[in-house]
Protein backbone atom coordinates (compact mmCIF):
# COMPACT_ATOMS: atom_id res chain seq x y z
CA MET A 1 0.13 -0.03 -0.15
CA ASN A 2 1.31 3.53 -1.04
CA PRO A 3 1.72 5.34 2.25
CA LYS A 4 1.81 8.64 0.65
CA LEU A 5 -1.54 7.84 -1.29
CA LYS A 6 -2.94 6.59 1.75
CA GLN A 7 -2.39 9.75 3.60
CA VAL A 8 -4.04 11.77 0.94
CA ILE A 9 -7.05 9.36 0.82
CA ASP A 10 -7.34 9.49 4.43
CA ASP A 11 -7.14 13.50 4.60
CA PHE A 12 -9.85 13.47 1.82
CA ILE A 13 -12.17 11.16 3.63
CA GLN A 14 -11.84 12.91 6.88
CA HIS A 15 -12.36 16.60 5.38
CA GLU A 16 -15.28 15.95 3.10
CA ALA A 17 -17.75 14.96 5.66
CA LEU A 18 -19.17 12.23 3.25
CA SER A 19 -22.61 11.29 3.62
CA GLY A 20 -23.34 7.44 4.03
CA THR A 21 -26.48 7.41 2.12
CA SER A 22 -25.02 9.36 -0.99
CA LEU A 23 -21.93 7.23 -0.85
CA ILE A 24 -24.06 3.99 -1.14
CA MET A 25 -25.83 5.36 -4.15
CA THR A 26 -22.39 5.97 -5.68
CA ILE A 27 -21.43 2.50 -4.92
CA PHE A 28 -24.72 1.19 -6.46
CA GLY A 29 -24.42 3.55 -9.53
CA ASP A 30 -20.84 2.87 -10.27
CA SER A 31 -20.41 -0.88 -9.29
CA VAL A 32 -23.58 -2.72 -8.63
CA PHE A 33 -26.28 -1.30 -11.07
CA HIS A 34 -24.79 -2.87 -14.14
CA ARG A 35 -24.25 -6.21 -12.48
CA GLY A 36 -27.79 -7.10 -11.82
CA GLY A 37 -28.53 -4.18 -9.34
CA ILE A 38 -28.36 -6.28 -6.12
CA ILE A 39 -25.91 -6.67 -3.26
CA SER A 40 -25.86 -8.23 0.10
CA LEU A 41 -25.90 -5.98 3.03
CA ALA A 42 -23.08 -7.66 4.43
CA SER A 43 -21.08 -6.69 1.51
CA LEU A 44 -22.24 -3.11 1.52
CA ILE A 45 -20.87 -2.84 5.23
CA GLN A 46 -17.44 -4.31 4.17
CA LEU A 47 -17.39 -2.06 1.13
CA MET A 48 -18.23 1.30 3.30
CA ASP A 49 -15.77 0.30 5.89
CA VAL A 50 -13.06 1.36 3.76
CA PHE A 51 -14.60 4.86 4.02
CA GLY A 52 -14.74 4.85 7.66
CA PHE A 53 -18.46 4.16 8.00
CA ASN A 54 -19.53 1.27 10.64
CA GLU A 55 -22.35 -1.20 10.58
CA ARG A 56 -25.00 0.89 12.22
CA SER A 57 -24.34 3.86 9.96
CA VAL A 58 -24.66 1.76 6.89
CA ARG A 59 -27.91 -0.02 8.02
CA THR A 60 -29.36 3.50 8.75
CA ALA A 61 -28.36 4.76 5.34
CA VAL A 62 -29.86 1.63 3.68
CA PHE A 63 -33.07 2.15 5.62
CA ARG A 64 -33.50 5.80 4.55
CA LEU A 65 -32.79 4.64 0.75
CA VAL A 66 -35.67 2.02 1.04
CA GLN A 67 -38.06 4.53 2.63
CA ASN A 68 -37.19 7.03 -0.27
CA GLY A 69 -37.86 4.34 -2.81
CA TRP A 70 -34.38 4.07 -4.46
CA LEU A 71 -33.81 0.64 -2.88
CA ILE A 72 -35.85 -2.43 -1.80
CA SER A 73 -35.00 -4.93 0.75
CA GLU A 74 -34.97 -8.66 0.17
CA LYS A 75 -34.33 -11.29 2.93
CA ILE A 76 -33.19 -14.81 2.11
CA GLY A 77 -32.62 -16.90 4.98
CA ARG A 78 -30.81 -14.69 7.59
CA THR A 79 -29.23 -12.51 5.07
CA SER A 80 -30.28 -9.17 3.90
CA TYR A 81 -29.95 -7.96 0.20
CA TYR A 82 -30.68 -4.64 -1.38
CA ARG A 83 -31.57 -4.22 -5.05
CA VAL A 84 -32.57 -1.23 -7.02
CA THR A 85 -36.10 -0.47 -7.35
CA GLU A 86 -37.98 -0.27 -10.68
CA SER A 87 -39.04 3.25 -9.89
CA SER A 88 -35.44 4.48 -9.36
CA ARG A 89 -34.16 2.42 -12.60
CA GLN A 90 -34.34 5.44 -14.80
CA ARG A 91 -32.73 7.86 -12.37
CA PHE A 92 -29.67 5.52 -12.24
CA ILE A 93 -29.65 5.25 -16.14
CA HIS A 94 -29.92 9.14 -16.39
CA ALA A 95 -27.01 9.56 -13.86
CA ASP A 96 -25.16 6.98 -15.57
CA GLN A 97 -25.37 8.63 -19.00
CA LYS A 98 -24.38 12.00 -17.50
CA ILE A 99 -21.40 10.87 -15.64
CA TYR A 100 -19.70 8.46 -17.90
CA SER A 101 -20.85 9.90 -21.45
CA PHE A 102 -20.06 13.31 -22.70
CA THR A 103 -22.66 14.93 -24.86
CA HIS A 104 -22.46 18.75 -25.61
CA THR A 105 -24.30 19.60 -28.91
CA GLU A 106 -23.79 22.75 -30.49
CA TRP A 107 -26.48 25.40 -29.47
CA ASP A 108 -28.82 26.82 -32.11
CA GLY A 109 -29.59 30.02 -29.92
CA LYS A 110 -32.95 28.85 -29.12
CA TRP A 111 -34.67 28.57 -25.80
CA ASP A 112 -37.28 26.20 -24.48
CA LEU A 113 -39.79 27.58 -21.95
CA VAL A 114 -42.37 25.85 -19.89
CA LEU A 115 -45.35 27.81 -18.23
CA LEU A 116 -46.42 26.55 -15.07
CA SER A 117 -49.09 28.85 -14.10
CA SER A 118 -51.81 26.32 -14.93
CA VAL A 119 -50.28 23.65 -12.64
CA GLU A 120 -51.63 23.00 -9.20
CA LEU A 121 -49.37 23.71 -6.31
CA GLU A 122 -48.65 20.40 -5.44
CA ASN A 123 -47.97 19.10 -8.77
CA LYS A 124 -45.88 22.38 -9.44
CA ILE A 125 -43.39 21.48 -6.81
CA ILE A 126 -42.89 17.94 -8.11
CA LEU A 127 -42.81 19.40 -11.83
CA LYS A 128 -40.18 22.25 -10.84
CA ARG A 129 -37.92 19.74 -9.12
CA GLU A 130 -38.06 17.37 -12.12
CA LEU A 131 -37.58 20.14 -14.75
CA GLU A 132 -34.34 21.24 -12.57
CA TRP A 133 -33.02 17.67 -12.99
CA LEU A 134 -33.13 18.44 -16.72
CA GLY A 135 -31.20 21.65 -16.46
CA PHE A 136 -34.18 24.03 -16.20
CA ALA A 137 -34.13 27.23 -14.16
CA ASN A 138 -36.85 29.83 -12.85
CA ILE A 139 -36.20 32.91 -14.98
CA SER A 140 -39.68 34.40 -13.99
CA THR A 141 -42.46 33.60 -11.89
CA ASN A 142 -44.11 30.50 -13.21
CA LEU A 143 -41.74 30.34 -16.12
CA MET A 144 -38.71 27.79 -16.56
CA ALA A 145 -36.18 27.95 -19.29
CA TYR A 146 -33.43 25.90 -20.78
CA PRO A 147 -31.21 26.65 -23.93
CA GLY A 148 -32.06 23.87 -26.37
CA CYS A 149 -33.37 20.89 -24.17
CA ASP A 150 -33.65 17.52 -24.89
CA HIS A 151 -37.14 17.41 -26.24
CA LEU A 152 -37.85 13.63 -25.71
CA LYS A 153 -36.49 13.74 -22.20
CA LEU A 154 -39.05 16.67 -21.76
CA GLN A 155 -41.93 14.87 -23.46
CA ASN A 156 -41.39 11.75 -21.42
CA LEU A 157 -41.28 13.73 -18.27
CA LEU A 158 -44.58 15.35 -18.92
CA LEU A 159 -46.08 11.98 -19.95
CA ASN A 160 -44.78 10.05 -16.97
CA LEU A 161 -46.10 12.67 -14.49
CA LYS A 162 -49.40 13.03 -16.37
CA MET A 163 -48.95 16.97 -16.85
CA THR A 164 -49.08 17.29 -20.54
CA ASP A 165 -52.55 19.07 -20.30
CA GLN A 166 -51.02 21.19 -17.43
CA VAL A 167 -48.20 23.21 -18.95
CA VAL A 168 -47.84 25.43 -21.97
CA LEU A 169 -44.45 25.18 -23.82
CA PHE A 170 -42.73 27.68 -25.94
CA LYS A 171 -39.58 28.03 -28.20
CA ALA A 172 -37.86 31.39 -27.93
CA GLU A 173 -34.88 32.98 -29.46
CA THR A 174 -32.19 35.29 -28.26
CA LEU A 175 -32.43 38.41 -30.38
CA GLN A 176 -28.89 40.19 -30.62
CA LEU A 177 -30.41 43.79 -30.82
CA TRP A 178 -27.26 45.48 -30.37
CA GLN A 179 -23.41 44.29 -30.00
CA GLU A 180 -23.39 44.34 -26.45
CA SER A 181 -26.35 42.04 -25.64
CA HIS A 182 -24.50 38.74 -25.45
CA PRO A 183 -22.79 39.72 -22.16
CA THR A 184 -26.32 40.57 -20.89
CA VAL A 185 -27.57 37.26 -21.55
CA LYS A 186 -24.35 35.84 -19.90
CA ARG A 187 -25.26 37.64 -16.70
CA MET A 188 -28.78 36.61 -16.95
CA VAL A 189 -27.78 33.14 -17.02
CA GLU A 190 -25.22 33.57 -14.03
CA VAL A 191 -28.18 34.77 -12.08
CA ASN A 192 -30.42 32.05 -12.60
CA TRP A 193 -28.13 29.01 -12.93
CA PRO A 194 -25.33 28.30 -10.29
CA VAL A 195 -22.53 29.12 -12.55
CA GLN A 196 -20.22 30.58 -10.11
CA GLU A 197 -20.76 27.88 -7.60
CA LEU A 198 -20.09 25.37 -10.17
CA HIS A 199 -17.03 26.78 -11.46
CA ALA A 200 -15.51 26.70 -7.81
CA ARG A 201 -16.54 23.08 -7.30
CA TYR A 202 -14.87 22.05 -10.61
CA GLU A 203 -11.77 24.10 -9.43
CA LYS A 204 -11.73 22.25 -6.26
CA PHE A 205 -12.36 18.76 -7.62
CA ILE A 206 -9.49 19.22 -10.34
CA ARG A 207 -6.90 20.30 -7.50
CA ASP A 208 -8.02 17.17 -5.44
CA PHE A 209 -7.77 14.62 -7.81
CA ARG A 210 -5.05 15.80 -9.95
CA GLU A 211 -2.98 15.14 -6.95
CA ILE A 212 -4.31 11.54 -6.93
CA PHE A 213 -3.80 10.97 -10.39
CA ASN A 214 -0.06 12.29 -10.23
CA LEU A 215 0.54 9.51 -7.37
CA VAL A 216 -0.90 6.59 -9.46
CA GLU A 217 -0.31 7.58 -13.08
CA HIS A 218 2.85 5.39 -13.07
CA ASP A 219 2.41 3.24 -10.29
CA GLU A 220 2.62 -0.38 -11.49
CA ASP A 221 1.64 -2.07 -8.27
CA LEU A 222 -1.49 -0.35 -7.30
CA ASP A 223 -3.38 -1.71 -4.18
CA PRO A 224 -6.81 -2.92 -5.07
CA LEU A 225 -8.42 -1.30 -1.79
CA GLN A 226 -6.92 2.07 -2.45
CA ALA A 227 -7.90 1.82 -6.10
CA PHE A 228 -11.48 1.03 -5.04
CA GLN A 229 -11.48 4.06 -2.76
CA ILE A 230 -10.33 6.24 -5.53
CA ARG A 231 -12.62 5.14 -8.01
CA ILE A 232 -15.58 5.56 -5.65
CA LEU A 233 -14.47 8.87 -4.31
CA LEU A 234 -13.72 10.19 -7.98
CA ILE A 235 -17.27 9.25 -9.17
CA HIS A 236 -19.04 10.37 -5.88
CA GLN A 237 -17.50 13.88 -6.09
CA TYR A 238 -17.75 13.98 -9.90
CA ARG A 239 -21.46 12.77 -9.80
CA ARG A 240 -22.29 15.52 -7.11
CA ILE A 241 -21.00 18.28 -9.40
CA LEU A 242 -22.56 16.95 -12.59
CA LEU A 243 -25.93 16.29 -11.19
CA LYS A 244 -26.18 20.10 -10.59
CA ASP A 245 -24.57 21.16 -13.73
CA PRO A 246 -27.12 21.96 -16.29
CA ASN A 247 -24.76 21.41 -19.09
CA LEU A 248 -25.37 24.87 -20.57
CA PRO A 249 -24.26 25.74 -24.03
CA PHE A 250 -20.19 26.94 -23.88
CA GLU A 251 -21.42 30.27 -25.56
CA LEU A 252 -23.28 31.08 -22.22
CA LEU A 253 -20.52 29.95 -19.91
CA PRO A 254 -17.27 31.98 -18.72
CA SER A 255 -14.43 31.43 -21.08
CA ASP A 256 -12.39 29.64 -18.54
CA TRP A 257 -15.09 27.00 -17.94
CA LEU A 258 -13.64 23.87 -16.30
CA SER A 259 -16.09 21.25 -17.26
CA LEU A 260 -13.86 19.54 -19.98
CA ASN A 261 -10.84 19.65 -17.77
CA ALA A 262 -12.61 17.76 -15.12
CA ARG A 263 -13.91 15.27 -17.54
CA ASN A 264 -10.46 14.82 -18.89
CA LEU A 265 -9.04 14.16 -15.48
CA SER A 266 -11.99 11.87 -14.60
CA SER A 267 -11.68 9.71 -17.65
CA ASN A 268 -8.00 9.43 -17.52
CA LEU A 269 -8.15 8.47 -13.52
CA TYR A 270 -10.89 6.19 -14.01
CA GLN A 271 -9.37 4.26 -16.78
CA ARG A 272 -6.18 4.13 -14.83
CA ILE A 273 -7.60 2.42 -11.67
CA PHE A 274 -11.02 0.95 -12.62
CA ALA A 275 -9.73 -2.75 -13.37
CA VAL A 276 -7.79 -3.00 -10.11
CA ALA A 277 -10.57 -1.65 -8.05
CA ASP A 278 -12.87 -4.22 -9.50
CA GLU A 279 -10.50 -6.83 -7.97
CA PHE A 280 -11.45 -5.36 -4.59
CA PHE A 281 -15.18 -5.01 -5.15
CA LEU A 282 -15.59 -8.34 -6.82
CA ASP A 283 -13.73 -10.26 -4.06
CA ILE A 284 -16.20 -8.66 -1.54
CA ALA A 285 -19.54 -8.20 -3.25
CA ARG A 286 -22.01 -10.99 -3.09
CA THR A 287 -25.73 -11.60 -4.39
CA SER A 288 -28.17 -14.11 -3.39
CA GLU A 289 -26.63 -16.61 -6.01
CA GLY A 290 -23.18 -15.90 -4.95
CA ALA A 291 -20.37 -14.00 -6.73
CA MET A 292 -21.64 -10.68 -8.69
CA PRO A 293 -22.62 -11.47 -12.28
CA PRO A 294 -20.72 -10.15 -15.34
CA ALA A 295 -21.20 -6.53 -16.15
CA HIS A 296 -23.69 -5.36 -18.76
CA PRO A 297 -22.04 -4.33 -21.87
CA GLN A 298 -23.07 -0.87 -21.46
CA PHE A 299 -20.52 -0.50 -18.72
CA PHE A 300 -17.60 -1.11 -20.85
CA LYS A 301 -18.74 2.02 -22.79
CA ARG A 302 -17.78 4.20 -20.01
CA PHE A 303 -15.42 7.20 -20.43
CA GLY A 304 -15.33 6.30 -24.18
CA GLY A 305 -14.45 2.72 -23.68
CA LEU A 306 -12.88 0.38 -21.06
CA LYS A 307 -10.70 -2.75 -21.56
CA GLN A 308 -13.26 -5.53 -21.07
CA GLU A 309 -10.49 -8.46 -20.50
CA ALA A 310 -9.30 -6.86 -17.33
CA LEU A 311 -12.91 -7.50 -15.94
CA THR A 312 -13.95 -10.71 -17.32
CA ALA A 313 -11.55 -12.97 -15.23
C-alpha cells in the first residue's frame, strides 16, 4: 500500500464529511447497477468500512434509501439484500449517462420555455424539481427555461407525470439587438443558474484529484483497496457536481469554464484504476446467487470505452 496515497485518501475522507446515504448510491451506480442491481447488506458493510462507516451507519443509510424508494430490501434466510427499485432505475440510467458519457451539442440560439401557471401547487413542486433535474431554471414567476433542451426527455417527463395538459411549452430565441447584448444574456444565466458555484466546485475537484492522479499514473503496483477508494470517491465527487451542472451551451458560460478539464481528468484517472478497483469490489460483493454476475455491455462504454478483458476474469 502506497503510504503517501493512503495519507492523501485518508485526509480527503476526513475533510469531505461524506454522506453514507449518498456514498452508497455512488457504489450502486458505479459498481452494482450494471451487475444486476443487487448486493448483500454484509457486502455493503464491508465496502463502506473502507470509507470509515460502521455497520450501524450503513444500516441506517440503506433504511433511508428504502424509505425514499431508491432500494428495496429482500431477505433470504438470515441474509439481507438490497436491490434497485423499478421506480429508480431511470434515475440510475440518467445519472450513468451524465457521468460516463459526454454529450454537448452545438447550441442553435433557441430557448425552451415551460409555463407553469396552470399547474396545481402540489404538482408544481414536483414538476419544478424534475425540470431542474433536466437543467431548467426559473427565469420568472411560473416560467422555467433551458437553452436547447432534449425534447424527448421533456416529453417523457410530462407524460410520466401526467401533466401534458397542465403546462404550455414555448420556443424562444435570443435576439442580438445590439453588440453588447450577449454579455447581458450571460449575466442573466449567472443569476439563474449556479454558474459561479459550479466553477468553484470544478476547481476544487480538479485540484484534489489531480494530486491523486499524479500519485497513481505510473504506479505499476496499485493496491486494490486504494484503487477502489479512489474510484468511488472520484465518481462520488464528480457525480455531485454533474447532477447540479445543467450542461449549458459553452457560448453562455465563462471562457475559463472547467467542465472539459474535469472530464478529461476523471476519464484518465478512472481508466487508470478501474480494473484494479474491480478486483477489490468483486472479492467482497455478493448476491443471493453468490459472486456478482458479469457487467452489462453498457458498462464497458464508460469514458469512451473500457478494456473488457481486465474485468472478465
